[in-house]
């Protein structure tokens, strides 16, 4: 969470590549991880969509 806050701060000089190195991920994986962290922090995503976590072991029943 602290890394996300540091990266998202308005006066941040941290680059996406630096965040990727910190998380030991590539830049695409970091974008996804930051999106998850943003959602956990405030319940919203940047693209306006709501994240839905599904359990693949549960059956989805048609209504």
C-alpha atoms as a PDB file:
ATOM      1  CA  UNK A   1       0.000   0.000   0.000  1.00  0.00           C
ATOM      2  CA  UNK A   2       2.815   2.410   0.797  1.00  0.00           C
ATOM      3  CA  UNK A   3       4.369   1.912  -2.626  1.00  0.00           C
ATOM      4  CA  UNK A   4       1.012   2.569  -4.290  1.00  0.00           C
ATOM      5  CA  UNK A   5       0.556   5.738  -2.254  1.00  0.00           C
ATOM      6  CA  UNK A   6       4.066   6.898  -3.135  1.00  0.00           C
ATOM      7  CA  UNK A   7       3.497   6.236  -6.841  1.00  0.00           C
ATOM      8  CA  UNK A   8       0.012   7.817  -6.931  1.00  0.00           C
ATOM      9  CA  UNK A   9       0.979  10.960  -4.990  1.00  0.00           C
ATOM     10  CA  UNK A  10       0.520  14.143  -7.012  1.00  0.00           C
ATOM     11  CA  UNK A  11       4.099  15.254  -6.384  1.00  0.00           C
ATOM     12  CA  UNK A  12       5.611  11.799  -6.973  1.00  0.00           C
ATOM     13  CA  UNK A  13       8.708  11.442  -9.143  1.00  0.00           C
ATOM     14  CA  UNK A  14       8.459   7.634  -9.057  1.00  0.00           C
ATOM     15  CA  UNK A  15       8.203   6.010 -12.462  1.00  0.00           C
ATOM     16  CA  UNK A  16       6.281   2.899 -13.407  1.00  0.00           C
ATOM     17  CA  UNK A  17       9.607   1.149 -14.046  1.00  0.00           C
ATOM     18  CA  UNK A  18      10.750   1.954 -10.512  1.00  0.00           C
ATOM     19  CA  UNK A  19       7.545   0.552  -9.059  1.00  0.00           C
ATOM     20  CA  UNK A  20       7.991  -2.569 -11.197  1.00  0.00           C
ATOM     21  CA  UNK A  21      11.511  -3.024  -9.839  1.00  0.00           C
ATOM     22  CA  UNK A  22      10.243  -2.546  -6.289  1.00  0.00           C
ATOM     23  CA  UNK A  23       7.553  -5.204  -6.747  1.00  0.00           C
ATOM     24  CA  UNK A  24       9.904  -7.400  -8.810  1.00  0.00           C
ATOM     25  CA  UNK A  25       7.364  -7.559 -11.628  1.00  0.00           C
ATOM     26  CA  UNK A  26       7.204  -6.332 -15.176  1.00  0.00           C
ATOM     27  CA  UNK A  27       5.344  -3.113 -15.948  1.00  0.00           C
ATOM     28  CA  UNK A  28       2.170  -4.856 -17.144  1.00  0.00           C
ATOM     29  CA  UNK A  29       1.928  -6.930 -13.951  1.00  0.00           C
ATOM     30  CA  UNK A  30       2.533  -3.793 -11.877  1.00  0.00           C
ATOM     31  CA  UNK A  31      -0.344  -1.974 -13.579  1.00  0.00           C
ATOM     32  CA  UNK A  32      -2.668  -4.834 -12.632  1.00  0.00           C
ATOM     33  CA  UNK A  33      -1.320  -4.974  -9.077  1.00  0.00           C
ATOM     34  CA  UNK A  34      -1.703  -1.210  -8.637  1.00  0.00           C
ATOM     35  CA  UNK A  35      -5.283  -1.462  -9.861  1.00  0.00           C
ATOM     36  CA  UNK A  36      -6.000  -4.159  -7.252  1.00  0.00           C
ATOM     37  CA  UNK A  37      -4.404  -2.054  -4.521  1.00  0.00           C
ATOM     38  CA  UNK A  38      -6.366   1.033  -5.572  1.00  0.00           C
ATOM     39  CA  UNK A  39      -9.582  -0.966  -5.455  1.00  0.00           C
ATOM     40  CA  UNK A  40      -8.761  -2.358  -2.011  1.00  0.00           C
ATOM     41  CA  UNK A  41      -8.013   1.134  -0.743  1.00  0.00           C
ATOM     42  CA  UNK A  42     -11.052   2.999  -2.035  1.00  0.00           C
ATOM     43  CA  UNK A  43     -13.364   0.474  -3.688  1.00  0.00           C
ATOM     44  CA  UNK A  44     -13.115   2.095  -7.104  1.00  0.00           C
ATOM     45  CA  UNK A  45     -11.094   1.504 -10.215  1.00  0.00           C
ATOM     46  CA  UNK A  46      -9.682   4.113 -12.570  1.00  0.00           C
ATOM     47  CA  UNK A  47     -11.695   2.888 -15.543  1.00  0.00           C
ATOM     48  CA  UNK A  48     -15.105   3.203 -13.882  1.00  0.00           C
ATOM     49  CA  UNK A  49     -15.715  -0.535 -13.702  1.00  0.00           C
ATOM     50  CA  UNK A  50     -16.284  -2.392 -10.475  1.00  0.00           C
ATOM     51  CA  UNK A  51     -13.975  -5.326  -9.815  1.00  0.00           C
ATOM     52  CA  UNK A  52     -15.763  -8.593  -9.122  1.00  0.00           C
ATOM     53  CA  UNK A  53     -13.806 -11.452  -7.598  1.00  0.00           C
ATOM     54  CA  UNK A  54     -15.293 -14.830  -8.397  1.00  0.00           C
ATOM     55  CA  UNK A  55     -14.489 -18.145  -6.801  1.00  0.00           C
ATOM     56  CA  UNK A  56     -13.843 -20.556  -9.699  1.00  0.00           C
ATOM     57  CA  UNK A  57     -14.782 -23.455  -7.431  1.00  0.00           C
ATOM     58  CA  UNK A  58     -18.333 -22.199  -7.006  1.00  0.00           C
ATOM     59  CA  UNK A  59     -20.958 -22.918  -9.609  1.00  0.00           C
ATOM     60  CA  UNK A  60     -22.568 -19.934 -11.267  1.00  0.00           C
ATOM     61  CA  UNK A  61     -26.294 -20.465 -11.421  1.00  0.00           C
ATOM     62  CA  UNK A  62     -28.400 -18.847 -14.122  1.00  0.00           C
ATOM     63  CA  UNK A  63     -31.246 -16.762 -12.811  1.00  0.00           C
END
